[in-house]
Amino acid sequence: MISRQWKGIVRSGRDEEYIRHLKSETFPRLAKMRGFVGASILRRAVDDGTEFQVVTLWSTLEAIKAFAGADIGAAVVPPNAQPLLLRYDTRVVHYEVVAT
């Protein structure tokens, strides 16, 4: 199993809106994809907003490729989510899950 991790800073006061976006748009779309296992949303307050770390789990790198495209290290940030973000990683990090 592969963990795909990404971080972004959401503008002050818009964190609940961003969580709604993930739960109502992003995660349901991912749930329909072959090889998607699950997702978590982590957050913490930072000086200029709220930092989110989105962690998705995938069965294989090939499953991630079907979602992200040939460059699996590229972040996928939908245009409608970008206005909520002050800044975000353009690259993601992948880890092999060795224990749960």
C-alpha atoms as a PDB file:
ATOM      1  CA  MET A   1       0.000   0.000   0.000  1.00  0.00           C
ATOM      2  CA  ILE A   2       1.170   3.536  -0.770  1.00  0.00           C
ATOM      3  CA  SER A   3       0.516   6.680   1.281  1.00  0.00           C
ATOM      4  CA  ARG A   4       0.340   9.905  -0.763  1.00  0.00           C
ATOM      5  CA  GLN A   5       0.799  13.056   1.334  1.00  0.00           C
ATOM      6  CA  TRP A   6       0.286  16.706   0.466  1.00  0.00           C
ATOM      7  CA  LYS A   7       0.155  19.995   2.435  1.00  0.00           C
ATOM      8  CA  GLY A   8      -1.506  23.329   1.897  1.00  0.00           C
ATOM      9  CA  ILE A   9      -2.303  26.448   3.904  1.00  0.00           C
ATOM     10  CA  VAL A  10      -5.948  27.488   3.848  1.00  0.00           C
ATOM     11  CA  ARG A  11      -6.825  31.146   4.275  1.00  0.00           C
ATOM     12  CA  SER A  12      -7.944  32.209   7.753  1.00  0.00           C
ATOM     13  CA  GLY A  13     -11.610  31.513   8.364  1.00  0.00           C
ATOM     14  CA  ARG A  14     -12.012  29.149   5.398  1.00  0.00           C
ATOM     15  CA  ASP A  15     -10.918  25.861   6.946  1.00  0.00           C
ATOM     16  CA  GLU A  16     -14.423  24.426   7.324  1.00  0.00           C
ATOM     17  CA  GLU A  17     -15.158  25.325   3.694  1.00  0.00           C
ATOM     18  CA  TYR A  18     -12.042  23.448   2.609  1.00  0.00           C
ATOM     19  CA  ILE A  19     -13.011  20.385   4.654  1.00  0.00           C
ATOM     20  CA  ARG A  20     -16.461  20.450   3.009  1.00  0.00           C
ATOM     21  CA  HIS A  21     -14.788  20.595  -0.407  1.00  0.00           C
ATOM     22  CA  LEU A  22     -12.673  17.534   0.372  1.00  0.00           C
ATOM     23  CA  LYS A  23     -15.587  15.539   1.825  1.00  0.00           C
ATOM     24  CA  SER A  24     -18.170  16.456  -0.812  1.00  0.00           C
ATOM     25  CA  GLU A  25     -16.063  16.647  -3.981  1.00  0.00           C
ATOM     26  CA  THR A  26     -12.561  15.233  -3.751  1.00  0.00           C
ATOM     27  CA  PHE A  27     -13.057  12.127  -1.616  1.00  0.00           C
ATOM     28  CA  PRO A  28     -16.221  10.911  -3.390  1.00  0.00           C
ATOM     29  CA  ARG A  29     -14.400  11.229  -6.728  1.00  0.00           C
ATOM     30  CA  LEU A  30     -11.432   9.293  -5.382  1.00  0.00           C
ATOM     31  CA  ALA A  31     -13.694   6.619  -3.903  1.00  0.00           C
ATOM     32  CA  LYS A  32     -14.805   5.715  -7.426  1.00  0.00           C
ATOM     33  CA  MET A  33     -11.229   5.089  -8.553  1.00  0.00           C
ATOM     34  CA  ARG A  34      -9.793   1.607  -8.702  1.00  0.00           C
ATOM     35  CA  GLY A  35      -7.053   1.164  -6.115  1.00  0.00           C
ATOM     36  CA  PHE A  36      -8.122   4.004  -3.800  1.00  0.00           C
ATOM     37  CA  VAL A  37      -8.134   2.720  -0.212  1.00  0.00           C
ATOM     38  CA  GLY A  38      -8.992   5.741   1.949  1.00  0.00           C
ATOM     39  CA  ALA A  39      -8.067   9.232   3.091  1.00  0.00           C
ATOM     40  CA  SER A  40      -7.412  11.340   6.170  1.00  0.00           C
ATOM     41  CA  ILE A  41      -7.402  15.083   6.756  1.00  0.00           C
ATOM     42  CA  LEU A  42      -4.968  16.507   9.299  1.00  0.00           C
ATOM     43  CA  ARG A  43      -4.943  20.164  10.319  1.00  0.00           C
ATOM     44  CA  ARG A  44      -3.151  22.571  12.596  1.00  0.00           C
ATOM     45  CA  ALA A  45      -3.241  26.303  13.181  1.00  0.00           C
ATOM     46  CA  VAL A  46      -0.349  28.303  11.737  1.00  0.00           C
ATOM     47  CA  ASP A  47       0.371  32.043  11.796  1.00  0.00           C
ATOM     48  CA  ASP A  48      -1.377  32.864   8.525  1.00  0.00           C
ATOM     49  CA  GLY A  49      -4.201  30.312   8.414  1.00  0.00           C
ATOM     50  CA  THR A  50      -4.697  26.586   8.824  1.00  0.00           C
ATOM     51  CA  GLU A  51      -2.261  24.013   7.507  1.00  0.00           C
ATOM     52  CA  PHE A  52      -3.821  20.860   6.142  1.00  0.00           C
ATOM     53  CA  GLN A  53      -2.081  17.619   5.383  1.00  0.00           C
ATOM     54  CA  VAL A  54      -4.147  15.354   3.172  1.00  0.00           C
ATOM     55  CA  VAL A  55      -3.134  11.709   3.294  1.00  0.00           C
ATOM     56  CA  THR A  56      -4.565   9.276   0.779  1.00  0.00           C
ATOM     57  CA  LEU A  57      -3.944   5.548   0.651  1.00  0.00           C
ATOM     58  CA  TRP A  58      -3.640   3.610  -2.591  1.00  0.00           C
ATOM     59  CA  SER A  59      -3.134  -0.048  -3.397  1.00  0.00           C
ATOM     60  CA  THR A  60      -0.343   0.574  -5.940  1.00  0.00           C
ATOM     61  CA  LEU A  61       1.650   3.256  -7.717  1.00  0.00           C
ATOM     62  CA  GLU A  62      -0.284   2.364 -10.872  1.00  0.00           C
ATOM     63  CA  ALA A  63      -3.513   3.340  -9.100  1.00  0.00           C
ATOM     64  CA  ILE A  64      -1.948   6.691  -8.202  1.00  0.00           C
ATOM     65  CA  LYS A  65      -0.879   7.138 -11.815  1.00  0.00           C
ATOM     66  CA  ALA A  66      -4.510   6.708 -12.928  1.00  0.00           C
ATOM     67  CA  PHE A  67      -5.415   9.579 -10.587  1.00  0.00           C
ATOM     68  CA  ALA A  68      -2.422  11.931 -10.911  1.00  0.00           C
ATOM     69  CA  GLY A  69      -1.145  11.182 -14.403  1.00  0.00           C
ATOM     70  CA  ALA A  70       2.300  10.135 -15.571  1.00  0.00           C
ATOM     71  CA  ASP A  71       4.066  12.452 -13.095  1.00  0.00           C
ATOM     72  CA  ILE A  72       2.769  10.863  -9.903  1.00  0.00           C
ATOM     73  CA  GLY A  73       4.735  13.350  -7.796  1.00  0.00           C
ATOM     74  CA  ALA A  74       2.705  16.290  -9.092  1.00  0.00           C
ATOM     75  CA  ALA A  75       0.046  17.645  -6.757  1.00  0.00           C
ATOM     76  CA  VAL A  76      -3.541  17.537  -7.994  1.00  0.00           C
ATOM     77  CA  VAL A  77      -5.296  20.703  -6.794  1.00  0.00           C
ATOM     78  CA  PRO A  78      -8.629  21.337  -8.525  1.00  0.00           C
ATOM     79  CA  PRO A  79      -9.166  24.903  -9.798  1.00  0.00           C
ATOM     80  CA  ASN A  80     -12.237  25.360  -7.574  1.00  0.00           C
ATOM     81  CA  ALA A  81     -10.159  24.576  -4.444  1.00  0.00           C
ATOM     82  CA  GLN A  82      -7.280  26.905  -5.266  1.00  0.00           C
ATOM     83  CA  PRO A  83      -9.020  30.144  -4.139  1.00  0.00           C
ATOM     84  CA  LEU A  84      -9.356  28.649  -0.641  1.00  0.00           C
ATOM     85  CA  LEU A  85      -5.609  28.145  -0.397  1.00  0.00           C
ATOM     86  CA  LEU A  86      -3.036  30.746   0.514  1.00  0.00           C
ATOM     87  CA  ARG A  87      -0.266  28.436  -0.698  1.00  0.00           C
ATOM     88  CA  TYR A  88       0.279  24.745  -1.263  1.00  0.00           C
ATOM     89  CA  ASP A  89       2.835  22.132  -2.208  1.00  0.00           C
ATOM     90  CA  THR A  90       3.097  21.543  -5.927  1.00  0.00           C
ATOM     91  CA  ARG A  91       4.734  18.170  -5.263  1.00  0.00           C
ATOM     92  CA  VAL A  92       3.535  15.305  -3.082  1.00  0.00           C
ATOM     93  CA  VAL A  93       5.409  12.707  -1.059  1.00  0.00           C
ATOM     94  CA  HIS A  94       4.803   8.967  -1.318  1.00  0.00           C
ATOM     95  CA  TYR A  95       5.563   6.400   1.368  1.00  0.00           C
ATOM     96  CA  GLU A  96       5.294   2.646   1.286  1.00  0.00           C
ATOM     97  CA  VAL A  97       3.071   1.577   4.176  1.00  0.00           C
ATOM     98  CA  VAL A  98       4.875  -1.191   6.046  1.00  0.00           C
ATOM     99  CA  ALA A  99       2.580  -1.501   9.085  1.00  0.00           C
ATOM    100  CA  THR A 100      -0.767  -0.182  10.322  1.00  0.00           C
END
